[in-house]
Amino acid sequence: MAKVLVVDDEVHIIKIIDYKLRAAGHMVVSARDGQEALERARREKPDLILLDVMMPKMDGFETLVRLRRDPETSSTPIFMLTVKGKEVDRAKGMELGADDYITKPFSPSKLLARIEEVLRRKGH
């Protein structure tokens, strides 16, 4: 069982991901904006973070930069999960340190498969 932090300002997205991950035996914690994500990541020490790009207070790109700078979260796998599907956005996410970049709408089953692949490599 792994702990996954889901960061999105859209509650229905969090619920869909929460349902799929819990059904697969994982623990889910959530945050609704970038600032809350930083706090939850330090406190909860998740095994993987799903991070939306367009959020209030602090966008996902800035949140990603801060997570990568923090020794507590610098090596945590982070997937960007966003409607921003242009190649320039994907490139920016990867350059800033994202491990994967998934565009909405997404297949919950495919998302779970990608998450579990990364977790397996991490030894979960």
PDB file of N, CA and C in Angstrom:
ATOM      1  N   MET A   1       0.844  -1.187   0.000  1.00  0.00           N
ATOM      2  CA  MET A   1       0.000   0.000   0.000  1.00  0.00           C
ATOM      3  C   MET A   1       0.886   1.246   0.000  1.00  0.00           C
ATOM      4  N   ALA A   2       0.546   2.176  -0.861  1.00  0.00           N
ATOM      5  CA  ALA A   2       1.286   3.431  -0.956  1.00  0.00           C
ATOM      6  C   ALA A   2       0.365   4.583  -0.576  1.00  0.00           C
ATOM      7  N   LYS A   3       0.984   5.682  -0.174  1.00  0.00           N
ATOM      8  CA  LYS A   3       0.235   6.897   0.137  1.00  0.00           C
ATOM      9  C   LYS A   3       0.421   7.874  -1.020  1.00  0.00           C
ATOM     10  N   VAL A   4      -0.703   8.351  -1.564  1.00  0.00           N
ATOM     11  CA  VAL A   4      -0.674   9.266  -2.705  1.00  0.00           C
ATOM     12  C   VAL A   4      -1.342  10.577  -2.309  1.00  0.00           C
ATOM     13  N   LEU A   5      -0.655  11.679  -2.558  1.00  0.00           N
ATOM     14  CA  LEU A   5      -1.217  13.011  -2.340  1.00  0.00           C
ATOM     15  C   LEU A   5      -1.798  13.488  -3.667  1.00  0.00           C
ATOM     16  N   VAL A   6      -3.114  13.767  -3.667  1.00  0.00           N
ATOM     17  CA  VAL A   6      -3.806  14.257  -4.853  1.00  0.00           C
ATOM     18  C   VAL A   6      -4.082  15.745  -4.651  1.00  0.00           C
ATOM     19  N   VAL A   7      -3.550  16.572  -5.536  1.00  0.00           N
ATOM     20  CA  VAL A   7      -3.688  18.025  -5.409  1.00  0.00           C
ATOM     21  C   VAL A   7      -4.469  18.552  -6.608  1.00  0.00           C
ATOM     22  N   ASP A   8      -5.688  19.018  -6.350  1.00  0.00           N
ATOM     23  CA  ASP A   8      -6.537  19.539  -7.425  1.00  0.00           C
ATOM     24  C   ASP A   8      -7.604  20.418  -6.787  1.00  0.00           C
ATOM     25  N   ASP A   9      -7.959  21.512  -7.448  1.00  0.00           N
ATOM     26  CA  ASP A   9      -9.000  22.381  -6.912  1.00  0.00           C
ATOM     27  C   ASP A   9     -10.399  21.917  -7.327  1.00  0.00           C
ATOM     28  N   GLU A  10     -10.471  20.879  -8.154  1.00  0.00           N
ATOM     29  CA  GLU A  10     -11.759  20.332  -8.567  1.00  0.00           C
ATOM     30  C   GLU A  10     -12.069  19.079  -7.745  1.00  0.00           C
ATOM     31  N   VAL A  11     -13.077  19.203  -6.873  1.00  0.00           N
ATOM     32  CA  VAL A  11     -13.417  18.122  -5.946  1.00  0.00           C
ATOM     33  C   VAL A  11     -13.765  16.829  -6.680  1.00  0.00           C
ATOM     34  N   HIS A  12     -14.471  16.929  -7.798  1.00  0.00           N
ATOM     35  CA  HIS A  12     -14.866  15.705  -8.503  1.00  0.00           C
ATOM     36  C   HIS A  12     -13.650  14.942  -9.039  1.00  0.00           C
ATOM     37  N   ILE A  13     -12.599  15.630  -9.401  1.00  0.00           N
ATOM     38  CA  ILE A  13     -11.369  14.964  -9.854  1.00  0.00           C
ATOM     39  C   ILE A  13     -10.742  14.211  -8.680  1.00  0.00           C
ATOM     40  N   ILE A  14     -10.672  14.869  -7.531  1.00  0.00           N
ATOM     41  CA  ILE A  14     -10.123  14.214  -6.337  1.00  0.00           C
ATOM     42  C   ILE A  14     -10.934  12.963  -6.011  1.00  0.00           C
ATOM     43  N   LYS A  15     -12.258  13.055  -6.084  1.00  0.00           N
ATOM     44  CA  LYS A  15     -13.115  11.906  -5.752  1.00  0.00           C
ATOM     45  C   LYS A  15     -12.899  10.733  -6.710  1.00  0.00           C
ATOM     46  N   ILE A  16     -12.784  11.014  -8.004  1.00  0.00           N
ATOM     47  CA  ILE A  16     -12.557   9.949  -8.991  1.00  0.00           C
ATOM     48  C   ILE A  16     -11.231   9.236  -8.705  1.00  0.00           C
ATOM     49  N   ILE A  17     -10.183  10.023  -8.498  1.00  0.00           N
ATOM     50  CA  ILE A  17      -8.859   9.443  -8.245  1.00  0.00           C
ATOM     51  C   ILE A  17      -8.846   8.709  -6.913  1.00  0.00           C
ATOM     52  N   ASP A  18      -9.454   9.311  -5.890  1.00  0.00           N
ATOM     53  CA  ASP A  18      -9.534   8.690  -4.560  1.00  0.00           C
ATOM     54  C   ASP A  18     -10.191   7.315  -4.654  1.00  0.00           C
ATOM     55  N   TYR A  19     -11.315   7.238  -5.351  1.00  0.00           N
ATOM     56  CA  TYR A  19     -12.039   5.975  -5.488  1.00  0.00           C
ATOM     57  C   TYR A  19     -11.160   4.913  -6.149  1.00  0.00           C
ATOM     58  N   LYS A  20     -10.520   5.285  -7.258  1.00  0.00           N
ATOM     59  CA  LYS A  20      -9.704   4.326  -8.016  1.00  0.00           C
ATOM     60  C   LYS A  20      -8.495   3.848  -7.205  1.00  0.00           C
ATOM     61  N   LEU A  21      -7.822   4.776  -6.535  1.00  0.00           N
ATOM     62  CA  LEU A  21      -6.626   4.410  -5.758  1.00  0.00           C
ATOM     63  C   LEU A  21      -6.976   3.577  -4.529  1.00  0.00           C
ATOM     64  N   ARG A  22      -8.035   3.954  -3.814  1.00  0.00           N
ATOM     65  CA  ARG A  22      -8.444   3.179  -2.634  1.00  0.00           C
ATOM     66  C   ARG A  22      -8.888   1.774  -3.025  1.00  0.00           C
ATOM     67  N   ALA A  23      -9.592   1.650  -4.165  1.00  0.00           N
ATOM     68  CA  ALA A  23     -10.021   0.334  -4.643  1.00  0.00           C
ATOM     69  C   ALA A  23      -8.817  -0.562  -4.943  1.00  0.00           C
ATOM     70  N   ALA A  24      -7.699   0.056  -5.284  1.00  0.00           N
ATOM     71  CA  ALA A  24      -6.465  -0.692  -5.563  1.00  0.00           C
ATOM     72  C   ALA A  24      -5.618  -0.887  -4.303  1.00  0.00           C
ATOM     73  N   GLY A  25      -6.128  -0.429  -3.163  1.00  0.00           N
ATOM     74  CA  GLY A  25      -5.441  -0.660  -1.900  1.00  0.00           C
ATOM     75  C   GLY A  25      -4.501   0.438  -1.446  1.00  0.00           C
ATOM     76  N   HIS A  26      -4.566   1.594  -2.062  1.00  0.00           N
ATOM     77  CA  HIS A  26      -3.681   2.689  -1.686  1.00  0.00           C
ATOM     78  C   HIS A  26      -4.383   3.661  -0.740  1.00  0.00           C
ATOM     79  N   MET A  27      -3.596   4.410  -0.014  1.00  0.00           N
ATOM     80  CA  MET A  27      -4.097   5.451   0.873  1.00  0.00           C
ATOM     81  C   MET A  27      -4.035   6.776   0.121  1.00  0.00           C
ATOM     82  N   VAL A  28      -5.051   7.617   0.292  1.00  0.00           N
ATOM     83  CA  VAL A  28      -5.108   8.892  -0.422  1.00  0.00           C
ATOM     84  C   VAL A  28      -5.264  10.037   0.573  1.00  0.00           C
ATOM     85  N   VAL A  29      -4.466  11.070   0.371  1.00  0.00           N
ATOM     86  CA  VAL A  29      -4.638  12.344   1.072  1.00  0.00           C
ATOM     87  C   VAL A  29      -4.774  13.393  -0.022  1.00  0.00           C
ATOM     88  N   SER A  30      -5.444  14.497   0.295  1.00  0.00           N
ATOM     89  CA  SER A  30      -5.674  15.484  -0.761  1.00  0.00           C
ATOM     90  C   SER A  30      -5.408  16.900  -0.287  1.00  0.00           C
ATOM     91  N   ALA A  31      -5.247  17.769  -1.262  1.00  0.00           N
ATOM     92  CA  ALA A  31      -5.068  19.205  -1.043  1.00  0.00           C
ATOM     93  C   ALA A  31      -5.765  19.916  -2.191  1.00  0.00           C
ATOM     94  N   ARG A  32      -6.239  21.143  -1.928  1.00  0.00           N
ATOM     95  CA  ARG A  32      -7.024  21.866  -2.940  1.00  0.00           C
ATOM     96  C   ARG A  32      -6.254  22.999  -3.618  1.00  0.00           C
ATOM     97  N   ASP A  33      -5.036  23.291  -3.144  1.00  0.00           N
ATOM     98  CA  ASP A  33      -4.225  24.326  -3.787  1.00  0.00           C
ATOM     99  C   ASP A  33      -2.755  24.052  -3.504  1.00  0.00           C
ATOM    100  N   GLY A  34      -1.895  24.824  -4.161  1.00  0.00           N
ATOM    101  CA  GLY A  34      -0.462  24.587  -4.041  1.00  0.00           C
ATOM    102  C   GLY A  34       0.087  24.771  -2.647  1.00  0.00           C
ATOM    103  N   GLN A  35      -0.371  25.791  -1.946  1.00  0.00           N
ATOM    104  CA  GLN A  35       0.125  26.038  -0.586  1.00  0.00           C
ATOM    105  C   GLN A  35      -0.222  24.877   0.339  1.00  0.00           C
ATOM    106  N   GLU A  36      -1.473  24.425   0.265  1.00  0.00           N
ATOM    107  CA  GLU A  36      -1.890  23.281   1.078  1.00  0.00           C
ATOM    108  C   GLU A  36      -1.109  22.029   0.685  1.00  0.00           C
ATOM    109  N   ALA A  37      -0.802  21.894  -0.601  1.00  0.00           N
ATOM    110  CA  ALA A  37      -0.032  20.746  -1.075  1.00  0.00           C
ATOM    111  C   ALA A  37       1.346  20.686  -0.429  1.00  0.00           C
ATOM    112  N   LEU A  38       2.012  21.838  -0.334  1.00  0.00           N
ATOM    113  CA  LEU A  38       3.335  21.870   0.295  1.00  0.00           C
ATOM    114  C   LEU A  38       3.252  21.435   1.750  1.00  0.00           C
ATOM    115  N   GLU A  39       2.249  21.929   2.457  1.00  0.00           N
ATOM    116  CA  GLU A  39       2.072  21.572   3.869  1.00  0.00           C
ATOM    117  C   GLU A  39       1.766  20.085   4.032  1.00  0.00           C
ATOM    118  N   ARG A  40       0.839  19.570   3.210  1.00  0.00           N
ATOM    119  CA  ARG A  40       0.455  18.151   3.309  1.00  0.00           C
ATOM    120  C   ARG A  40       1.616  17.237   2.924  1.00  0.00           C
ATOM    121  N   ALA A  41       2.378  17.630   1.915  1.00  0.00           N
ATOM    122  CA  ALA A  41       3.508  16.810   1.476  1.00  0.00           C
ATOM    123  C   ALA A  41       4.546  16.667   2.586  1.00  0.00           C
ATOM    124  N   ARG A  42       4.835  17.746   3.285  1.00  0.00           N
ATOM    125  CA  ARG A  42       5.826  17.677   4.374  1.00  0.00           C
ATOM    126  C   ARG A  42       5.287  16.849   5.541  1.00  0.00           C
ATOM    127  N   ARG A  43       4.010  17.029   5.863  1.00  0.00           N
ATOM    128  CA  ARG A  43       3.412  16.341   7.011  1.00  0.00           C
ATOM    129  C   ARG A  43       3.137  14.862   6.715  1.00  0.00           C
ATOM    130  N   GLU A  44       2.582  14.574   5.526  1.00  0.00           N
ATOM    131  CA  GLU A  44       2.128  13.216   5.214  1.00  0.00           C
ATOM    132  C   GLU A  44       3.203  12.318   4.598  1.00  0.00           C
ATOM    133  N   LYS A  45       4.236  12.919   4.020  1.00  0.00           N
ATOM    134  CA  LYS A  45       5.313  12.172   3.357  1.00  0.00           C
ATOM    135  C   LYS A  45       4.766  11.119   2.380  1.00  0.00           C
ATOM    136  N   PRO A  46       4.069  11.585   1.339  1.00  0.00           N
ATOM    137  CA  PRO A  46       3.475  10.643   0.385  1.00  0.00           C
ATOM    138  C   PRO A  46       4.533   9.930  -0.456  1.00  0.00           C
ATOM    139  N   ASP A  47       4.136   8.782  -0.991  1.00  0.00           N
ATOM    140  CA  ASP A  47       5.017   8.015  -1.871  1.00  0.00           C
ATOM    141  C   ASP A  47       4.973   8.547  -3.295  1.00  0.00           C
ATOM    142  N   LEU A  48       3.894   9.291  -3.629  1.00  0.00           N
ATOM    143  CA  LEU A  48       3.730   9.858  -4.959  1.00  0.00           C
ATOM    144  C   LEU A  48       2.763  11.031  -4.849  1.00  0.00           C
ATOM    145  N   ILE A  49       2.953  12.044  -5.712  1.00  0.00           N
ATOM    146  CA  ILE A  49       2.082  13.215  -5.713  1.00  0.00           C
ATOM    147  C   ILE A  49       1.495  13.402  -7.104  1.00  0.00           C
ATOM    148  N   LEU A  50       0.165  13.579  -7.169  1.00  0.00           N
ATOM    149  CA  LEU A  50      -0.530  13.964  -8.400  1.00  0.00           C
ATOM    150  C   LEU A  50      -0.845  15.435  -8.258  1.00  0.00           C
ATOM    151  N   LEU A  51      -0.373  16.252  -9.186  1.00  0.00           N
ATOM    152  CA  LEU A  51      -0.420  17.697  -9.031  1.00  0.00           C
ATOM    153  C   LEU A  51      -1.060  18.390 -10.227  1.00  0.00           C
ATOM    154  N   ASP A  52      -2.179  19.064  -9.989  1.00  0.00           N
ATOM    155  CA  ASP A  52      -2.836  19.856 -11.027  1.00  0.00           C
ATOM    156  C   ASP A  52      -1.980  21.092 -11.300  1.00  0.00           C
ATOM    157  N   VAL A  53      -2.116  21.663 -12.488  1.00  0.00           N
ATOM    158  CA  VAL A  53      -1.360  22.872 -12.821  1.00  0.00           C
ATOM    159  C   VAL A  53      -2.138  24.132 -12.463  1.00  0.00           C
ATOM    160  N   MET A  54      -3.364  24.228 -12.926  1.00  0.00           N
ATOM    161  CA  MET A  54      -4.129  25.464 -12.724  1.00  0.00           C
ATOM    162  C   MET A  54      -4.921  25.386 -11.422  1.00  0.00           C
ATOM    163  N   MET A  55      -4.389  26.076 -10.392  1.00  0.00           N
ATOM    164  CA  MET A  55      -5.000  26.091  -9.061  1.00  0.00           C
ATOM    165  C   MET A  55      -4.894  27.492  -8.468  1.00  0.00           C
ATOM    166  N   PRO A  56      -5.752  27.790  -7.491  1.00  0.00           N
ATOM    167  CA  PRO A  56      -5.654  29.082  -6.811  1.00  0.00           C
ATOM    168  C   PRO A  56      -4.435  29.136  -5.877  1.00  0.00           C
ATOM    169  N   LYS A  57      -4.091  30.331  -5.470  1.00  0.00           N
ATOM    170  CA  LYS A  57      -2.994  30.626  -4.516  1.00  0.00           C
ATOM    171  C   LYS A  57      -1.609  30.383  -5.093  1.00  0.00           C
ATOM    172  N   MET A  58      -1.366  29.167  -5.602  1.00  0.00           N
ATOM    173  CA  MET A  58      -0.059  28.842  -6.179  1.00  0.00           C
ATOM    174  C   MET A  58      -0.290  27.782  -7.251  1.00  0.00           C
ATOM    175  N   ASP A  59       0.137  28.032  -8.468  1.00  0.00           N
ATOM    176  CA  ASP A  59      -0.117  27.045  -9.522  1.00  0.00           C
ATOM    177  C   ASP A  59       0.786  25.822  -9.358  1.00  0.00           C
ATOM    178  N   GLY A  60       0.469  24.801 -10.133  1.00  0.00           N
ATOM    179  CA  GLY A  60       1.191  23.544 -10.024  1.00  0.00           C
ATOM    180  C   GLY A  60       2.656  23.625 -10.401  1.00  0.00           C
ATOM    181  N   PHE A  61       2.999  24.484 -11.363  1.00  0.00           N
ATOM    182  CA  PHE A  61       4.405  24.615 -11.738  1.00  0.00           C
ATOM    183  C   PHE A  61       5.232  25.175 -10.578  1.00  0.00           C
ATOM    184  N   GLU A  62       4.730  26.225  -9.923  1.00  0.00           N
ATOM    185  CA  GLU A  62       5.439  26.798  -8.773  1.00  0.00           C
ATOM    186  C   GLU A  62       5.493  25.789  -7.622  1.00  0.00           C
ATOM    187  N   THR A  63       4.396  25.069  -7.420  1.00  0.00           N
ATOM    188  CA  THR A  63       4.357  24.045  -6.368  1.00  0.00           C
ATOM    189  C   THR A  63       5.402  22.973  -6.661  1.00  0.00           C
ATOM    190  N   LEU A  64       5.493  22.553  -7.921  1.00  0.00           N
ATOM    191  CA  LEU A  64       6.482  21.554  -8.330  1.00  0.00           C
ATOM    192  C   LEU A  64       7.902  22.030  -8.025  1.00  0.00           C
ATOM    193  N   VAL A  65       8.210  23.268  -8.368  1.00  0.00           N
ATOM    194  CA  VAL A  65       9.538  23.829  -8.106  1.00  0.00           C
ATOM    195  C   VAL A  65       9.845  23.782  -6.613  1.00  0.00           C
ATOM    196  N   ARG A  66       8.893  24.178  -5.801  1.00  0.00           N
ATOM    197  CA  ARG A  66       9.111  24.195  -4.346  1.00  0.00           C
ATOM    198  C   ARG A  66       9.246  22.784  -3.772  1.00  0.00           C
ATOM    199  N   LEU A  67       8.464  21.844  -4.293  1.00  0.00           N
ATOM    200  CA  LEU A  67       8.589  20.455  -3.833  1.00  0.00           C
ATOM    201  C   LEU A  67       9.954  19.887  -4.188  1.00  0.00           C
ATOM    202  N   ARG A  68      10.463  20.213  -5.364  1.00  0.00           N
ATOM    203  CA  ARG A  68      11.778  19.714  -5.782  1.00  0.00           C
ATOM    204  C   ARG A  68      12.918  20.361  -4.990  1.00  0.00           C
ATOM    205  N   ARG A  69      12.733  21.592  -4.519  1.00  0.00           N
ATOM    206  CA  ARG A  69      13.773  22.275  -3.726  1.00  0.00           C
ATOM    207  C   ARG A  69      13.820  21.784  -2.284  1.00  0.00           C
ATOM    208  N   ASP A  70      12.724  21.227  -1.797  1.00  0.00           N
ATOM    209  CA  ASP A  70      12.622  20.800  -0.397  1.00  0.00           C
ATOM    210  C   ASP A  70      13.247  19.411  -0.244  1.00  0.00           C
ATOM    211  N   PRO A  71      14.243  19.255   0.623  1.00  0.00           N
ATOM    212  CA  PRO A  71      14.880  17.943   0.807  1.00  0.00           C
ATOM    213  C   PRO A  71      13.892  16.847   1.218  1.00  0.00           C
ATOM    214  N   GLU A  72      12.813  17.224   1.888  1.00  0.00           N
ATOM    215  CA  GLU A  72      11.808  16.247   2.330  1.00  0.00           C
ATOM    216  C   GLU A  72      11.033  15.646   1.158  1.00  0.00           C
ATOM    217  N   THR A  73      10.903  16.386   0.059  1.00  0.00           N
ATOM    218  CA  THR A  73      10.066  15.941  -1.065  1.00  0.00           C
ATOM    219  C   THR A  73      10.808  15.915  -2.400  1.00  0.00           C
ATOM    220  N   SER A  74      12.081  16.223  -2.389  1.00  0.00           N
ATOM    221  CA  SER A  74      12.818  16.365  -3.655  1.00  0.00           C
ATOM    222  C   SER A  74      12.846  15.097  -4.505  1.00  0.00           C
ATOM    223  N   SER A  75      12.776  13.933  -3.881  1.00  0.00           N
ATOM    224  CA  SER A  75      12.839  12.688  -4.654  1.00  0.00           C
ATOM    225  C   SER A  75      11.478  11.994  -4.792  1.00  0.00           C
ATOM    226  N   THR A  76      10.424  12.603  -4.286  1.00  0.00           N
ATOM    227  CA  THR A  76       9.084  12.020  -4.399  1.00  0.00           C
ATOM    228  C   THR A  76       8.621  12.096  -5.855  1.00  0.00           C
ATOM    229  N   PRO A  77       8.157  10.984  -6.428  1.00  0.00           N
ATOM    230  CA  PRO A  77       7.635  11.047  -7.798  1.00  0.00           C
ATOM    231  C   PRO A  77       6.434  11.998  -7.866  1.00  0.00           C
ATOM    232  N   ILE A  78       6.419  12.855  -8.886  1.00  0.00           N
ATOM    233  CA  ILE A  78       5.336  13.820  -9.058  1.00  0.00           C
ATOM    234  C   ILE A  78       4.814  13.729 -10.482  1.00  0.00           C
ATOM    235  N   PHE A  79       3.508  13.500 -10.594  1.00  0.00           N
ATOM    236  CA  PHE A  79       2.825  13.487 -11.887  1.00  0.00           C
ATOM    237  C   PHE A  79       2.031  14.778 -11.992  1.00  0.00           C
ATOM    238  N   MET A  80       2.209  15.496 -13.079  1.00  0.00           N
ATOM    239  CA  MET A  80       1.363  16.649 -13.372  1.00  0.00           C
ATOM    240  C   MET A  80       0.083  16.101 -14.011  1.00  0.00           C
ATOM    241  N   LEU A  81      -1.059  16.611 -13.564  1.00  0.00           N
ATOM    242  CA  LEU A  81      -2.355  16.154 -14.061  1.00  0.00           C
ATOM    243  C   LEU A  81      -3.153  17.397 -14.411  1.00  0.00           C
ATOM    244  N   THR A  82      -3.314  17.685 -15.705  1.00  0.00           N
ATOM    245  CA  THR A  82      -3.817  18.997 -16.077  1.00  0.00           C
ATOM    246  C   THR A  82      -4.526  19.030 -17.428  1.00  0.00           C
ATOM    247  N   VAL A  83      -5.313  20.071 -17.631  1.00  0.00           N
ATOM    248  CA  VAL A  83      -5.937  20.300 -18.937  1.00  0.00           C
ATOM    249  C   VAL A  83      -4.958  20.984 -19.882  1.00  0.00           C
ATOM    250  N   LYS A  84      -3.858  21.496 -19.363  1.00  0.00           N
ATOM    251  CA  LYS A  84      -2.863  22.191 -20.191  1.00  0.00           C
ATOM    252  C   LYS A  84      -2.050  21.154 -20.965  1.00  0.00           C
ATOM    253  N   GLY A  85      -2.566  20.795 -22.153  1.00  0.00           N
ATOM    254  CA  GLY A  85      -1.977  19.706 -22.916  1.00  0.00           C
ATOM    255  C   GLY A  85      -1.034  20.106 -24.023  1.00  0.00           C
ATOM    256  N   LYS A  86      -0.748  21.393 -24.161  1.00  0.00           N
ATOM    257  CA  LYS A  86       0.173  21.812 -25.222  1.00  0.00           C
ATOM    258  C   LYS A  86       1.576  21.294 -24.938  1.00  0.00           C
ATOM    259  N   GLU A  87       2.310  21.056 -26.015  1.00  0.00           N
ATOM    260  CA  GLU A  87       3.661  20.525 -25.874  1.00  0.00           C
ATOM    261  C   GLU A  87       4.554  21.443 -25.038  1.00  0.00           C
ATOM    262  N   VAL A  88       4.358  22.744 -25.146  1.00  0.00           N
ATOM    263  CA  VAL A  88       5.166  23.690 -24.367  1.00  0.00           C
ATOM    264  C   VAL A  88       4.900  23.525 -22.871  1.00  0.00           C
ATOM    265  N   ASP A  89       3.645  23.245 -22.497  1.00  0.00           N
ATOM    266  CA  ASP A  89       3.311  23.028 -21.085  1.00  0.00           C
ATOM    267  C   ASP A  89       3.914  21.716 -20.584  1.00  0.00           C
ATOM    268  N   ARG A  90       3.793  20.676 -21.403  1.00  0.00           N
ATOM    269  CA  ARG A  90       4.376  19.374 -21.049  1.00  0.00           C
ATOM    270  C   ARG A  90       5.893  19.517 -20.867  1.00  0.00           C
ATOM    271  N   ALA A  91       6.548  20.200 -21.790  1.00  0.00           N
ATOM    272  CA  ALA A  91       8.000  20.394 -21.705  1.00  0.00           C
ATOM    273  C   ALA A  91       8.366  21.157 -20.436  1.00  0.00           C
ATOM    274  N   LYS A  92       7.588  22.203 -20.124  1.00  0.00           N
ATOM    275  CA  LYS A  92       7.860  22.978 -18.913  1.00  0.00           C
ATOM    276  C   LYS A  92       7.752  22.098 -17.672  1.00  0.00           C
ATOM    277  N   GLY A  93       6.698  21.295 -17.593  1.00  0.00           N
ATOM    278  CA  GLY A  93       6.522  20.406 -16.446  1.00  0.00           C
ATOM    279  C   GLY A  93       7.681  19.439 -16.290  1.00  0.00           C
ATOM    280  N   MET A  94       8.111  18.853 -17.390  1.00  0.00           N
ATOM    281  CA  MET A  94       9.206  17.897 -17.327  1.00  0.00           C
ATOM    282  C   MET A  94      10.526  18.588 -16.981  1.00  0.00           C
ATOM    283  N   GLU A  95      10.751  19.778 -17.539  1.00  0.00           N
ATOM    284  CA  GLU A  95      11.975  20.531 -17.235  1.00  0.00           C
ATOM    285  C   GLU A  95      12.039  20.923 -15.764  1.00  0.00           C
ATOM    286  N   LEU A  96      10.879  21.186 -15.165  1.00  0.00           N
ATOM    287  CA  LEU A  96      10.844  21.587 -13.755  1.00  0.00           C
ATOM    288  C   LEU A  96      10.949  20.397 -12.802  1.00  0.00           C
ATOM    289  N   GLY A  97      10.906  19.179 -13.351  1.00  0.00           N
ATOM    290  CA  GLY A  97      11.134  18.006 -12.513  1.00  0.00           C
ATOM    291  C   GLY A  97       9.987  17.031 -12.373  1.00  0.00           C
ATOM    292  N   ALA A  98       8.923  17.183 -13.169  1.00  0.00           N
ATOM    293  CA  ALA A  98       7.826  16.214 -13.105  1.00  0.00           C
ATOM    294  C   ALA A  98       8.302  14.863 -13.621  1.00  0.00           C
ATOM    295  N   ASP A  99       7.769  13.807 -13.051  1.00  0.00           N
ATOM    296  CA  ASP A  99       8.104  12.455 -13.494  1.00  0.00           C
ATOM    297  C   ASP A  99       7.184  11.984 -14.614  1.00  0.00           C
ATOM    298  N   ASP A 100       6.003  12.584 -14.700  1.00  0.00           N
ATOM    299  CA  ASP A 100       5.059  12.251 -15.758  1.00  0.00           C
ATOM    300  C   ASP A 100       4.123  13.437 -15.926  1.00  0.00           C
ATOM    301  N   TYR A 101       3.475  13.515 -17.072  1.00  0.00           N
ATOM    302  CA  TYR A 101       2.583  14.643 -17.385  1.00  0.00           C
ATOM    303  C   TYR A 101       1.357  14.051 -18.060  1.00  0.00           C
ATOM    304  N   ILE A 102       0.235  14.092 -17.375  1.00  0.00           N
ATOM    305  CA  ILE A 102      -0.988  13.460 -17.848  1.00  0.00           C
ATOM    306  C   ILE A 102      -2.044  14.535 -18.073  1.00  0.00           C
ATOM    307  N   THR A 103      -2.671  14.497 -19.254  1.00  0.00           N
ATOM    308  CA  THR A 103      -3.670  15.517 -19.551  1.00  0.00           C
ATOM    309  C   THR A 103      -5.085  15.033 -19.240  1.00  0.00           C
ATOM    310  N   LYS A 104      -5.910  15.995 -18.805  1.00  0.00           N
ATOM    311  CA  LYS A 104      -7.334  15.751 -18.572  1.00  0.00           C
ATOM    312  C   LYS A 104      -8.067  16.003 -19.880  1.00  0.00           C
ATOM    313  N   PRO A 105      -9.106  15.268 -20.184  1.00  0.00           N
ATOM    314  CA  PRO A 105      -9.617  14.142 -19.415  1.00  0.00           C
ATOM    315  C   PRO A 105      -8.665  12.946 -19.515  1.00  0.00           C
ATOM    316  N   PHE A 106      -8.685  12.125 -18.497  1.00  0.00           N
ATOM    317  CA  PHE A 106      -7.785  10.979 -18.431  1.00  0.00           C
ATOM    318  C   PHE A 106      -8.582   9.728 -18.104  1.00  0.00           C
ATOM    319  N   SER A 107      -7.997   8.599 -18.397  1.00  0.00           N
ATOM    320  CA  SER A 107      -8.582   7.311 -18.035  1.00  0.00           C
ATOM    321  C   SER A 107      -8.106   6.967 -16.626  1.00  0.00           C
ATOM    322  N   PRO A 108      -9.020   6.837 -15.657  1.00  0.00           N
ATOM    323  CA  PRO A 108      -8.593   6.469 -14.303  1.00  0.00           C
ATOM    324  C   PRO A 108      -7.807   5.155 -14.265  1.00  0.00           C
ATOM    325  N   SER A 109      -8.172   4.205 -15.115  1.00  0.00           N
ATOM    326  CA  SER A 109      -7.447   2.927 -15.138  1.00  0.00           C
ATOM    327  C   SER A 109      -6.029   3.093 -15.648  1.00  0.00           C
ATOM    328  N   LYS A 110      -5.851   3.911 -16.694  1.00  0.00           N
ATOM    329  CA  LYS A 110      -4.503   4.159 -17.211  1.00  0.00           C
ATOM    330  C   LYS A 110      -3.671   4.946 -16.203  1.00  0.00           C
ATOM    331  N   LEU A 111      -4.305   5.907 -15.531  1.00  0.00           N
ATOM    332  CA  LEU A 111      -3.602   6.667 -14.498  1.00  0.00           C
ATOM    333  C   LEU A 111      -3.121   5.728 -13.402  1.00  0.00           C
ATOM    334  N   LEU A 112      -3.996   4.833 -12.938  1.00  0.00           N
ATOM    335  CA  LEU A 112      -3.621   3.869 -11.904  1.00  0.00           C
ATOM    336  C   LEU A 112      -2.454   3.002 -12.372  1.00  0.00           C
ATOM    337  N   ALA A 113      -2.491   2.555 -13.615  1.00  0.00           N
ATOM    338  CA  ALA A 113      -1.401   1.712 -14.136  1.00  0.00           C
ATOM    339  C   ALA A 113      -0.073   2.464 -14.123  1.00  0.00           C
ATOM    340  N   ARG A 114      -0.087   3.727 -14.499  1.00  0.00           N
ATOM    341  CA  ARG A 114       1.146   4.523 -14.511  1.00  0.00           C
ATOM    342  C   ARG A 114       1.654   4.759 -13.087  1.00  0.00           C
ATOM    343  N   ILE A 115       0.729   5.022 -12.178  1.00  0.00           N
ATOM    344  CA  ILE A 115       1.101   5.214 -10.766  1.00  0.00           C
ATOM    345  C   ILE A 115       1.733   3.940 -10.226  1.00  0.00           C
ATOM    346  N   GLU A 116       1.085   2.808 -10.459  1.00  0.00           N
ATOM    347  CA  GLU A 116       1.596   1.546  -9.914  1.00  0.00           C
ATOM    348  C   GLU A 116       2.930   1.156 -10.528  1.00  0.00           C
ATOM    349  N   GLU A 117       3.150   1.514 -11.783  1.00  0.00           N
ATOM    350  CA  GLU A 117       4.441   1.242 -12.413  1.00  0.00           C
ATOM    351  C   GLU A 117       5.558   2.002 -11.689  1.00  0.00           C
ATOM    352  N   VAL A 118       5.332   3.275 -11.403  1.00  0.00           N
ATOM    353  CA  VAL A 118       6.334   4.081 -10.700  1.00  0.00           C
ATOM    354  C   VAL A 118       6.528   3.575  -9.268  1.00  0.00           C
ATOM    355  N   LEU A 119       5.442   3.239  -8.598  1.00  0.00           N
ATOM    356  CA  LEU A 119       5.543   2.742  -7.224  1.00  0.00           C
ATOM    357  C   LEU A 119       6.308   1.419  -7.172  1.00  0.00           C
ATOM    358  N   ARG A 120       6.082   0.559  -8.161  1.00  0.00           N
ATOM    359  CA  ARG A 120       6.816  -0.713  -8.215  1.00  0.00           C
ATOM    360  C   ARG A 120       8.322  -0.454  -8.313  1.00  0.00           C
ATOM    361  N   ARG A 121       8.685   0.516  -9.149  1.00  0.00           N
ATOM    362  CA  ARG A 121      10.112   0.842  -9.292  1.00  0.00           C
ATOM    363  C   ARG A 121      10.688   1.384  -7.994  1.00  0.00           C
ATOM    364  N   LYS A 122       9.842   2.043  -7.214  1.00  0.00           N
ATOM    365  CA  LYS A 122      10.284   2.587  -5.922  1.00  0.00           C
ATOM    366  C   LYS A 122      10.304   1.518  -4.833  1.00  0.00           C
ATOM    367  N   GLY A 123       9.766   0.340  -5.141  1.00  0.00           N
ATOM    368  CA  GLY A 123       9.774  -0.749  -4.158  1.00  0.00           C
ATOM    369  C   GLY A 123       8.489  -0.858  -3.345  1.00  0.00           C
ATOM    370  N   HIS A 124       7.391  -0.319  -3.852  1.00  0.00           N
ATOM    371  CA  HIS A 124       6.093  -0.443  -3.133  1.00  0.00           C
ATOM    372  C   HIS A 124       5.259  -1.528  -3.740  1.00  0.00           C
TER     373      HIS A 124
END
